[in-house]
């Protein structure tokens, strides 16, 4: 497995180890709209809600996730780190519930929750 696949697009001063992932949280994790158009704030209490994130870097033992993938995970099981003024999340590959697959047309994802 080439070492380049574990490197982020922009060079960060960090190298992920073992089964760890470095991700950025989607902007859509904040407020959202119901199907009727009602704005639901990010602070609204809901059941266990999963979040989407973009993979920036992977460790050498990550098997199913690649840099650039969108992953679904539980935001309660996370650790944050700040690098060069940006906040990233650290996850283990086993904590990822799903990887969004690109649509056949090449736009969007195949997962809608």
N, C-alpha and C. Protein backbone atom coordinates (compact mmCIF):
# COMPACT_ATOMS: atom_id res chain seq x y z
N UNK A 1 0.85 -1.17 0.00
CA UNK A 1 0.00 0.00 0.00
C UNK A 1 0.90 1.24 0.00
N UNK A 2 0.79 2.16 -0.97
CA UNK A 2 1.66 3.31 -1.02
C UNK A 2 1.41 4.26 0.13
N UNK A 3 2.46 4.87 0.60
CA UNK A 3 2.37 5.80 1.72
C UNK A 3 1.69 7.10 1.34
N UNK A 4 1.66 7.44 0.02
CA UNK A 4 1.07 8.69 -0.42
C UNK A 4 -0.42 8.74 -0.15
N UNK A 5 -1.13 7.60 -0.16
CA UNK A 5 -2.57 7.60 0.06
C UNK A 5 -2.93 8.04 1.47
N UNK A 6 -2.01 7.95 2.39
CA UNK A 6 -2.31 8.36 3.76
C UNK A 6 -1.98 9.83 4.00
N UNK A 7 -1.48 10.51 3.00
CA UNK A 7 -1.13 11.92 3.16
C UNK A 7 -2.29 12.80 2.72
N UNK A 8 -2.62 13.85 3.50
CA UNK A 8 -3.68 14.75 3.11
C UNK A 8 -3.29 15.57 1.88
N UNK A 9 -4.29 16.16 1.24
CA UNK A 9 -4.04 16.95 0.04
C UNK A 9 -3.13 18.13 0.37
N UNK A 10 -3.46 18.90 1.40
CA UNK A 10 -2.56 19.94 1.85
C UNK A 10 -1.70 19.35 2.96
N UNK A 11 -0.42 19.61 2.92
CA UNK A 11 0.51 19.00 3.87
C UNK A 11 0.24 19.53 5.28
N UNK A 12 -0.11 18.64 6.19
CA UNK A 12 -0.33 18.99 7.59
C UNK A 12 0.86 18.49 8.40
N UNK A 13 1.15 19.15 9.52
CA UNK A 13 2.29 18.73 10.34
C UNK A 13 1.96 17.53 11.23
N UNK A 14 1.34 16.51 10.64
CA UNK A 14 0.93 15.35 11.43
C UNK A 14 0.89 14.14 10.50
N UNK A 15 1.20 12.97 11.05
CA UNK A 15 1.11 11.71 10.32
C UNK A 15 0.27 10.77 11.17
N UNK A 16 -0.82 10.28 10.62
CA UNK A 16 -1.73 9.43 11.36
C UNK A 16 -1.11 8.04 11.51
N UNK A 17 -1.38 7.41 12.64
CA UNK A 17 -0.84 6.08 12.93
C UNK A 17 -1.94 5.04 12.99
N UNK A 18 -1.58 3.81 12.75
CA UNK A 18 -2.44 2.63 12.89
C UNK A 18 -3.78 2.79 12.19
N UNK A 19 -4.89 2.67 12.92
CA UNK A 19 -6.22 2.70 12.32
C UNK A 19 -6.92 4.05 12.52
N UNK A 20 -6.15 5.10 12.72
CA UNK A 20 -6.73 6.41 13.01
C UNK A 20 -7.06 7.18 11.73
N UNK A 21 -8.11 8.01 11.83
CA UNK A 21 -8.54 8.89 10.75
C UNK A 21 -8.55 10.32 11.26
N UNK A 22 -8.15 11.25 10.41
CA UNK A 22 -8.26 12.67 10.70
C UNK A 22 -9.33 13.20 9.76
N UNK A 23 -10.39 13.79 10.32
CA UNK A 23 -11.52 14.23 9.51
C UNK A 23 -11.91 15.67 9.84
N UNK A 24 -12.60 16.30 8.90
CA UNK A 24 -13.20 17.61 9.14
C UNK A 24 -14.70 17.43 9.14
N UNK A 25 -15.36 18.04 10.09
CA UNK A 25 -16.81 17.93 10.23
C UNK A 25 -17.49 18.72 9.13
N UNK A 26 -18.55 18.15 8.55
CA UNK A 26 -19.33 18.84 7.52
C UNK A 26 -19.97 20.09 8.09
N UNK A 27 -20.09 21.12 7.26
CA UNK A 27 -20.77 22.35 7.69
C UNK A 27 -22.25 22.09 7.93
N UNK A 28 -22.79 21.08 7.31
CA UNK A 28 -24.21 20.76 7.45
C UNK A 28 -24.54 20.19 8.82
N UNK A 29 -23.56 20.03 9.69
CA UNK A 29 -23.80 19.45 11.01
C UNK A 29 -24.52 20.43 11.93
N UNK A 30 -24.64 21.66 11.52
CA UNK A 30 -25.32 22.67 12.33
C UNK A 30 -26.83 22.56 12.20
N UNK A 31 -27.48 23.67 11.93
CA UNK A 31 -28.93 23.64 11.81
C UNK A 31 -29.35 22.94 10.52
N UNK A 32 -30.56 22.43 10.53
CA UNK A 32 -31.07 21.72 9.37
C UNK A 32 -32.55 22.07 9.18
N UNK A 33 -33.12 21.65 8.08
CA UNK A 33 -34.53 21.92 7.78
C UNK A 33 -35.32 20.62 7.76
N UNK A 34 -36.55 20.70 8.28
CA UNK A 34 -37.44 19.54 8.19
C UNK A 34 -38.00 19.48 6.78
N UNK A 35 -38.69 18.40 6.46
CA UNK A 35 -39.28 18.26 5.12
C UNK A 35 -40.34 19.32 4.87
N UNK A 36 -40.91 19.90 5.93
CA UNK A 36 -41.91 20.96 5.80
C UNK A 36 -41.26 22.34 5.71
N UNK A 37 -39.93 22.42 5.82
CA UNK A 37 -39.24 23.69 5.70
C UNK A 37 -38.96 24.39 7.02
N UNK A 38 -39.25 23.75 8.13
CA UNK A 38 -39.00 24.35 9.45
C UNK A 38 -37.53 24.22 9.78
N UNK A 39 -36.90 25.33 10.22
CA UNK A 39 -35.49 25.31 10.59
C UNK A 39 -35.35 24.72 11.98
N UNK A 40 -34.51 23.68 12.10
CA UNK A 40 -34.25 23.03 13.38
C UNK A 40 -32.83 23.40 13.80
N UNK A 41 -32.67 24.14 14.92
CA UNK A 41 -31.32 24.56 15.33
C UNK A 41 -30.46 23.38 15.76
N UNK A 42 -29.15 23.57 15.69
CA UNK A 42 -28.20 22.51 16.05
C UNK A 42 -28.32 22.12 17.52
N UNK A 43 -28.83 23.03 18.35
CA UNK A 43 -28.94 22.75 19.78
C UNK A 43 -30.21 21.99 20.14
N UNK A 44 -31.10 21.73 19.19
CA UNK A 44 -32.34 21.00 19.47
C UNK A 44 -32.02 19.58 19.90
N UNK A 45 -32.72 19.12 20.93
CA UNK A 45 -32.49 17.77 21.44
C UNK A 45 -33.17 16.76 20.52
N UNK A 46 -32.40 15.84 20.02
CA UNK A 46 -32.93 14.74 19.21
C UNK A 46 -32.30 13.46 19.71
N UNK A 47 -32.78 12.36 19.21
CA UNK A 47 -32.17 11.07 19.56
C UNK A 47 -30.73 11.05 19.08
N UNK A 48 -30.11 9.93 19.23
CA UNK A 48 -28.72 9.78 18.81
C UNK A 48 -28.61 10.08 17.32
N UNK A 49 -27.95 11.16 16.97
CA UNK A 49 -27.84 11.60 15.59
C UNK A 49 -26.39 11.44 15.13
N UNK A 50 -26.22 10.79 14.00
CA UNK A 50 -24.89 10.60 13.44
C UNK A 50 -24.51 11.82 12.60
N UNK A 51 -23.22 11.99 12.35
CA UNK A 51 -22.72 13.15 11.61
C UNK A 51 -21.84 12.70 10.46
N UNK A 52 -21.74 13.56 9.44
CA UNK A 52 -20.87 13.32 8.28
C UNK A 52 -19.58 14.10 8.44
N UNK A 53 -18.49 13.55 7.93
CA UNK A 53 -17.20 14.24 7.95
C UNK A 53 -16.41 13.82 6.71
N UNK A 54 -15.46 14.67 6.32
CA UNK A 54 -14.59 14.39 5.19
C UNK A 54 -13.23 13.93 5.71
N UNK A 55 -12.71 12.85 5.17
CA UNK A 55 -11.43 12.28 5.61
C UNK A 55 -10.29 13.10 5.01
N UNK A 56 -9.38 13.57 5.87
CA UNK A 56 -8.24 14.39 5.46
C UNK A 56 -6.96 13.56 5.45
N UNK A 57 -6.82 12.61 6.40
CA UNK A 57 -5.63 11.78 6.48
C UNK A 57 -6.00 10.45 7.12
N UNK A 58 -5.24 9.40 6.78
CA UNK A 58 -5.48 8.07 7.34
C UNK A 58 -4.17 7.46 7.81
N UNK A 59 -4.29 6.56 8.78
CA UNK A 59 -3.13 5.82 9.26
C UNK A 59 -2.81 4.66 8.32
N UNK A 60 -1.66 4.04 8.51
CA UNK A 60 -1.21 3.00 7.59
C UNK A 60 -2.01 1.71 7.67
N UNK A 61 -2.77 1.48 8.75
CA UNK A 61 -3.54 0.25 8.88
C UNK A 61 -5.03 0.43 8.58
N UNK A 62 -5.41 1.57 8.04
CA UNK A 62 -6.80 1.79 7.64
C UNK A 62 -7.04 1.04 6.35
N UNK A 63 -8.11 0.23 6.31
CA UNK A 63 -8.33 -0.64 5.16
C UNK A 63 -9.48 -0.19 4.26
N UNK A 64 -10.55 0.36 4.82
CA UNK A 64 -11.76 0.59 4.05
C UNK A 64 -12.04 2.05 3.74
N UNK A 65 -11.26 2.96 4.26
CA UNK A 65 -11.51 4.40 4.09
C UNK A 65 -10.30 5.03 3.42
N UNK A 66 -10.55 5.96 2.51
CA UNK A 66 -9.47 6.66 1.83
C UNK A 66 -9.60 8.16 2.04
N UNK A 67 -8.51 8.87 1.83
CA UNK A 67 -8.53 10.33 1.90
C UNK A 67 -9.51 10.84 0.86
N UNK A 68 -10.37 11.75 1.28
CA UNK A 68 -11.38 12.31 0.38
C UNK A 68 -12.75 11.69 0.55
N UNK A 69 -12.86 10.55 1.25
CA UNK A 69 -14.16 9.91 1.48
C UNK A 69 -14.98 10.71 2.48
N UNK A 70 -16.31 10.59 2.37
CA UNK A 70 -17.22 11.12 3.39
C UNK A 70 -17.62 9.96 4.27
N UNK A 71 -17.49 10.12 5.58
CA UNK A 71 -17.79 9.04 6.51
C UNK A 71 -18.88 9.46 7.49
N UNK A 72 -19.63 8.48 7.95
CA UNK A 72 -20.71 8.68 8.91
C UNK A 72 -20.25 8.12 10.24
N UNK A 73 -20.36 8.92 11.31
CA UNK A 73 -19.87 8.49 12.62
C UNK A 73 -20.72 9.10 13.72
N UNK A 74 -20.55 8.62 14.94
CA UNK A 74 -21.24 9.14 16.11
C UNK A 74 -20.42 10.30 16.67
N UNK A 75 -20.96 11.54 16.66
CA UNK A 75 -20.18 12.68 17.11
C UNK A 75 -19.87 12.68 18.61
N UNK A 76 -20.52 11.82 19.38
CA UNK A 76 -20.22 11.75 20.82
C UNK A 76 -18.92 11.00 21.08
N UNK A 77 -18.49 10.16 20.14
CA UNK A 77 -17.25 9.38 20.29
C UNK A 77 -16.15 10.02 19.46
N UNK A 78 -15.70 11.18 19.87
CA UNK A 78 -14.69 11.86 19.06
C UNK A 78 -13.70 12.61 19.94
N UNK A 79 -12.56 12.90 19.36
CA UNK A 79 -11.54 13.72 20.01
C UNK A 79 -11.17 14.82 19.01
N UNK A 80 -11.02 16.04 19.48
CA UNK A 80 -10.70 17.16 18.61
C UNK A 80 -9.23 17.55 18.73
N UNK A 81 -8.68 18.06 17.64
CA UNK A 81 -7.32 18.56 17.63
C UNK A 81 -7.30 19.79 16.72
N UNK A 82 -6.50 20.78 17.08
CA UNK A 82 -6.37 21.97 16.26
C UNK A 82 -4.99 21.96 15.61
N UNK A 83 -4.97 22.08 14.30
CA UNK A 83 -3.72 22.11 13.52
C UNK A 83 -3.75 23.32 12.60
N UNK A 84 -2.77 24.15 12.69
CA UNK A 84 -2.64 25.33 11.84
C UNK A 84 -3.93 26.15 11.79
N UNK A 85 -4.56 26.31 12.95
CA UNK A 85 -5.75 27.15 13.06
C UNK A 85 -7.06 26.49 12.66
N UNK A 86 -7.03 25.25 12.20
CA UNK A 86 -8.25 24.54 11.81
C UNK A 86 -8.51 23.39 12.80
N UNK A 87 -9.78 23.12 13.07
CA UNK A 87 -10.15 22.06 13.99
C UNK A 87 -10.47 20.78 13.22
N UNK A 88 -9.87 19.69 13.65
CA UNK A 88 -10.08 18.38 13.04
C UNK A 88 -10.55 17.42 14.13
N UNK A 89 -11.13 16.31 13.70
CA UNK A 89 -11.55 15.26 14.62
C UNK A 89 -10.71 14.02 14.39
N UNK A 90 -10.41 13.31 15.46
CA UNK A 90 -9.68 12.05 15.39
C UNK A 90 -10.67 10.92 15.63
N UNK A 91 -10.68 9.95 14.73
CA UNK A 91 -11.56 8.79 14.85
C UNK A 91 -10.75 7.52 14.65
N UNK A 92 -11.28 6.42 15.10
CA UNK A 92 -10.73 5.11 14.76
C UNK A 92 -11.58 4.57 13.62
N UNK A 93 -10.98 3.78 12.76
CA UNK A 93 -11.73 3.24 11.63
C UNK A 93 -12.94 2.43 12.10
N UNK A 94 -12.82 1.74 13.22
CA UNK A 94 -13.94 0.92 13.71
C UNK A 94 -15.12 1.76 14.17
N UNK A 95 -14.92 3.07 14.43
CA UNK A 95 -16.00 3.95 14.85
C UNK A 95 -16.78 4.55 13.68
N UNK A 96 -16.35 4.27 12.46
CA UNK A 96 -17.05 4.76 11.27
C UNK A 96 -18.17 3.78 10.94
N UNK A 97 -19.39 4.32 10.80
CA UNK A 97 -20.55 3.47 10.51
C UNK A 97 -20.74 3.22 9.01
N UNK A 98 -20.37 4.21 8.17
CA UNK A 98 -20.57 4.06 6.73
C UNK A 98 -19.65 5.01 5.98
N UNK A 99 -19.39 4.66 4.73
CA UNK A 99 -18.65 5.53 3.81
C UNK A 99 -19.60 5.85 2.67
N UNK A 100 -19.77 7.13 2.37
CA UNK A 100 -20.67 7.53 1.29
C UNK A 100 -20.07 7.14 -0.04
N UNK A 101 -20.86 6.48 -0.85
CA UNK A 101 -20.40 6.07 -2.18
C UNK A 101 -20.85 7.12 -3.19
N UNK A 102 -19.98 7.52 -4.11
CA UNK A 102 -20.41 8.48 -5.13
C UNK A 102 -21.47 7.87 -6.02
N UNK A 103 -22.40 8.72 -6.49
CA UNK A 103 -23.44 8.25 -7.42
C UNK A 103 -22.81 7.90 -8.75
N UNK A 104 -23.51 7.12 -9.52
CA UNK A 104 -23.01 6.73 -10.84
C UNK A 104 -22.80 7.94 -11.74
N UNK A 105 -23.62 8.99 -11.57
CA UNK A 105 -23.50 10.19 -12.39
C UNK A 105 -22.31 11.04 -11.95
N UNK A 106 -21.74 10.72 -10.79
CA UNK A 106 -20.56 11.46 -10.32
C UNK A 106 -20.89 12.64 -9.44
N UNK A 107 -22.16 12.88 -9.11
CA UNK A 107 -22.50 13.99 -8.23
C UNK A 107 -23.28 13.45 -7.04
N UNK A 108 -23.08 14.07 -5.90
CA UNK A 108 -23.80 13.66 -4.70
C UNK A 108 -23.29 12.34 -4.15
N UNK A 109 -24.06 11.78 -3.24
CA UNK A 109 -23.71 10.50 -2.64
C UNK A 109 -24.89 9.55 -2.77
N UNK A 110 -24.64 8.31 -2.56
CA UNK A 110 -25.71 7.32 -2.63
C UNK A 110 -26.43 7.13 -1.31
N UNK A 111 -25.99 7.80 -0.24
CA UNK A 111 -26.61 7.62 1.07
C UNK A 111 -27.41 8.86 1.45
N UNK A 112 -28.65 8.67 1.81
CA UNK A 112 -29.49 9.78 2.27
C UNK A 112 -30.19 9.34 3.53
N UNK A 113 -29.87 9.98 4.65
CA UNK A 113 -30.47 9.61 5.93
C UNK A 113 -31.36 10.71 6.42
